[in-house]
Amino acid sequence: MNELNALLSPGMIVRHPTQPDWGEGQVQSNIDGRITVNFRDEGKVVIDGNHVELILVQAG
């Protein structure tokens, strides 16, 4: 997992780098590299932090 993903915690706002149409999402959990994010336009998604580097929009 990259360094930024390791620092993500619930409440932080992120974007998915290859899915801009999902909009911004709020981190729900970050457990063992599995990051659950509730995206405004896509809903709840579990992301493998070892393969996707999320973009931090706003710290919680």
N, C-alpha and C. Protein backbone atom coordinates (compact mmCIF):
# COMPACT_ATOMS: atom_id res chain seq x y z
N MET A 1 0.85 -1.18 0.00
CA MET A 1 0.00 0.00 0.00
C MET A 1 0.89 1.23 0.00
N ASN A 2 0.51 2.26 -0.76
CA ASN A 2 1.34 3.45 -0.79
C ASN A 2 1.18 4.26 0.49
N GLU A 3 2.05 5.22 0.69
CA GLU A 3 2.08 5.96 1.96
C GLU A 3 0.80 6.75 2.21
N LEU A 4 0.26 7.40 1.17
CA LEU A 4 -0.96 8.18 1.38
C LEU A 4 -2.12 7.29 1.77
N ASN A 5 -2.31 6.19 1.05
CA ASN A 5 -3.41 5.29 1.38
C ASN A 5 -3.30 4.79 2.82
N ALA A 6 -2.08 4.56 3.29
CA ALA A 6 -1.89 4.08 4.66
C ALA A 6 -2.34 5.11 5.68
N LEU A 7 -2.34 6.39 5.31
CA LEU A 7 -2.72 7.46 6.24
C LEU A 7 -4.20 7.80 6.19
N LEU A 8 -4.93 7.27 5.21
CA LEU A 8 -6.35 7.59 5.09
C LEU A 8 -7.12 7.04 6.28
N SER A 9 -8.01 7.87 6.80
CA SER A 9 -8.82 7.46 7.94
C SER A 9 -10.27 7.91 7.73
N PRO A 10 -11.20 7.33 8.47
CA PRO A 10 -12.61 7.67 8.30
C PRO A 10 -12.85 9.18 8.38
N GLY A 11 -13.69 9.63 7.45
CA GLY A 11 -14.04 11.05 7.40
C GLY A 11 -13.29 11.82 6.34
N MET A 12 -12.14 11.32 5.90
CA MET A 12 -11.38 12.01 4.86
C MET A 12 -12.11 11.90 3.52
N ILE A 13 -11.94 12.94 2.70
CA ILE A 13 -12.59 12.99 1.39
C ILE A 13 -11.55 12.70 0.32
N VAL A 14 -11.88 11.77 -0.58
CA VAL A 14 -10.95 11.34 -1.62
C VAL A 14 -11.63 11.27 -2.98
N ARG A 15 -10.82 11.09 -4.01
CA ARG A 15 -11.29 10.82 -5.36
C ARG A 15 -10.56 9.59 -5.87
N HIS A 16 -11.20 8.84 -6.76
CA HIS A 16 -10.57 7.69 -7.40
C HIS A 16 -9.89 8.20 -8.66
N PRO A 17 -8.60 7.90 -8.87
CA PRO A 17 -7.86 8.48 -9.99
C PRO A 17 -8.36 8.08 -11.38
N THR A 18 -8.98 6.95 -11.53
CA THR A 18 -9.43 6.51 -12.85
C THR A 18 -10.95 6.51 -13.00
N GLN A 19 -11.65 6.97 -11.97
CA GLN A 19 -13.12 7.01 -12.02
C GLN A 19 -13.62 8.40 -11.61
N PRO A 20 -13.29 9.45 -12.36
CA PRO A 20 -13.69 10.80 -11.98
C PRO A 20 -15.21 10.99 -11.92
N ASP A 21 -15.96 10.17 -12.67
CA ASP A 21 -17.42 10.29 -12.68
C ASP A 21 -18.04 9.83 -11.36
N TRP A 22 -17.27 9.16 -10.49
CA TRP A 22 -17.79 8.75 -9.18
C TRP A 22 -17.91 9.94 -8.24
N GLY A 23 -17.22 11.04 -8.54
CA GLY A 23 -17.24 12.20 -7.67
C GLY A 23 -16.36 11.98 -6.43
N GLU A 24 -16.56 12.84 -5.47
CA GLU A 24 -15.80 12.73 -4.22
C GLU A 24 -16.42 11.67 -3.34
N GLY A 25 -15.57 11.05 -2.51
CA GLY A 25 -16.06 10.02 -1.61
C GLY A 25 -15.49 10.20 -0.22
N GLN A 26 -16.24 9.74 0.76
CA GLN A 26 -15.80 9.81 2.15
C GLN A 26 -15.30 8.44 2.59
N VAL A 27 -14.08 8.41 3.14
CA VAL A 27 -13.51 7.16 3.63
C VAL A 27 -14.34 6.69 4.82
N GLN A 28 -14.75 5.42 4.77
CA GLN A 28 -15.52 4.81 5.84
C GLN A 28 -14.62 3.98 6.76
N SER A 29 -13.64 3.27 6.14
CA SER A 29 -12.70 2.47 6.92
C SER A 29 -11.46 2.20 6.09
N ASN A 30 -10.38 1.81 6.78
CA ASN A 30 -9.13 1.47 6.13
C ASN A 30 -8.50 0.36 6.96
N ILE A 31 -8.74 -0.88 6.54
CA ILE A 31 -8.30 -2.05 7.31
C ILE A 31 -7.45 -2.95 6.42
N ASP A 32 -6.19 -3.11 6.79
CA ASP A 32 -5.27 -4.00 6.05
C ASP A 32 -5.23 -3.69 4.56
N GLY A 33 -5.23 -2.41 4.20
CA GLY A 33 -5.13 -2.03 2.80
C GLY A 33 -6.43 -2.06 2.03
N ARG A 34 -7.51 -2.47 2.67
CA ARG A 34 -8.84 -2.46 2.04
C ARG A 34 -9.55 -1.20 2.52
N ILE A 35 -9.74 -0.27 1.59
CA ILE A 35 -10.30 1.04 1.93
C ILE A 35 -11.73 1.10 1.44
N THR A 36 -12.65 1.29 2.36
CA THR A 36 -14.06 1.42 2.00
C THR A 36 -14.38 2.90 1.88
N VAL A 37 -14.92 3.28 0.72
CA VAL A 37 -15.23 4.68 0.45
C VAL A 37 -16.68 4.77 -0.04
N ASN A 38 -17.40 5.74 0.48
CA ASN A 38 -18.76 6.00 0.03
C ASN A 38 -18.71 7.19 -0.94
N PHE A 39 -18.77 6.87 -2.26
CA PHE A 39 -18.69 7.91 -3.28
C PHE A 39 -20.07 8.50 -3.54
N ARG A 40 -20.08 9.80 -3.77
CA ARG A 40 -21.32 10.55 -3.98
C ARG A 40 -22.15 9.95 -5.12
N ASP A 41 -21.52 9.64 -6.24
CA ASP A 41 -22.26 9.20 -7.42
C ASP A 41 -22.13 7.71 -7.73
N GLU A 42 -21.46 6.94 -6.87
CA GLU A 42 -21.29 5.50 -7.13
C GLU A 42 -21.73 4.64 -5.95
N GLY A 43 -21.76 5.23 -4.76
CA GLY A 43 -22.11 4.47 -3.58
C GLY A 43 -20.87 3.90 -2.90
N LYS A 44 -21.08 2.89 -2.08
CA LYS A 44 -20.00 2.30 -1.29
C LYS A 44 -19.17 1.35 -2.14
N VAL A 45 -17.84 1.58 -2.11
CA VAL A 45 -16.90 0.77 -2.89
C VAL A 45 -15.73 0.38 -1.98
N VAL A 46 -15.31 -0.88 -2.05
CA VAL A 46 -14.12 -1.34 -1.33
C VAL A 46 -12.97 -1.35 -2.32
N ILE A 47 -11.90 -0.64 -1.99
CA ILE A 47 -10.76 -0.45 -2.89
C ILE A 47 -9.53 -1.14 -2.31
N ASP A 48 -8.81 -1.83 -3.16
CA ASP A 48 -7.54 -2.46 -2.76
C ASP A 48 -6.47 -1.38 -2.82
N GLY A 49 -6.05 -0.90 -1.67
CA GLY A 49 -5.06 0.17 -1.58
C GLY A 49 -3.69 -0.21 -2.10
N ASN A 50 -3.46 -1.49 -2.36
CA ASN A 50 -2.19 -1.92 -2.93
C ASN A 50 -2.14 -1.69 -4.44
N HIS A 51 -3.31 -1.47 -5.05
CA HIS A 51 -3.37 -1.32 -6.51
C HIS A 51 -3.88 0.04 -6.96
N VAL A 52 -4.55 0.77 -6.09
CA VAL A 52 -5.12 2.07 -6.46
C VAL A 52 -4.66 3.11 -5.45
N GLU A 53 -4.06 4.20 -5.95
CA GLU A 53 -3.64 5.30 -5.09
C GLU A 53 -4.71 6.39 -5.13
N LEU A 54 -5.49 6.46 -4.07
CA LEU A 54 -6.56 7.45 -4.01
C LEU A 54 -5.98 8.86 -3.90
N ILE A 55 -6.76 9.84 -4.32
CA ILE A 55 -6.34 11.24 -4.30
C ILE A 55 -7.04 11.91 -3.13
N LEU A 56 -6.27 12.46 -2.21
CA LEU A 56 -6.83 13.14 -1.04
C LEU A 56 -7.37 14.50 -1.47
N VAL A 57 -8.63 14.78 -1.15
CA VAL A 57 -9.26 16.06 -1.45
C VAL A 57 -9.28 16.91 -0.20
N GLN A 58 -9.66 16.29 0.93
CA GLN A 58 -9.78 17.03 2.18
C GLN A 58 -9.57 16.07 3.36
N ALA A 59 -8.71 16.49 4.26
CA ALA A 59 -8.51 15.69 5.48
C ALA A 59 -9.73 15.87 6.38
N GLY A 60 -10.08 14.81 7.09
CA GLY A 60 -11.26 14.84 7.97
C GLY A 60 -10.91 15.50 9.22
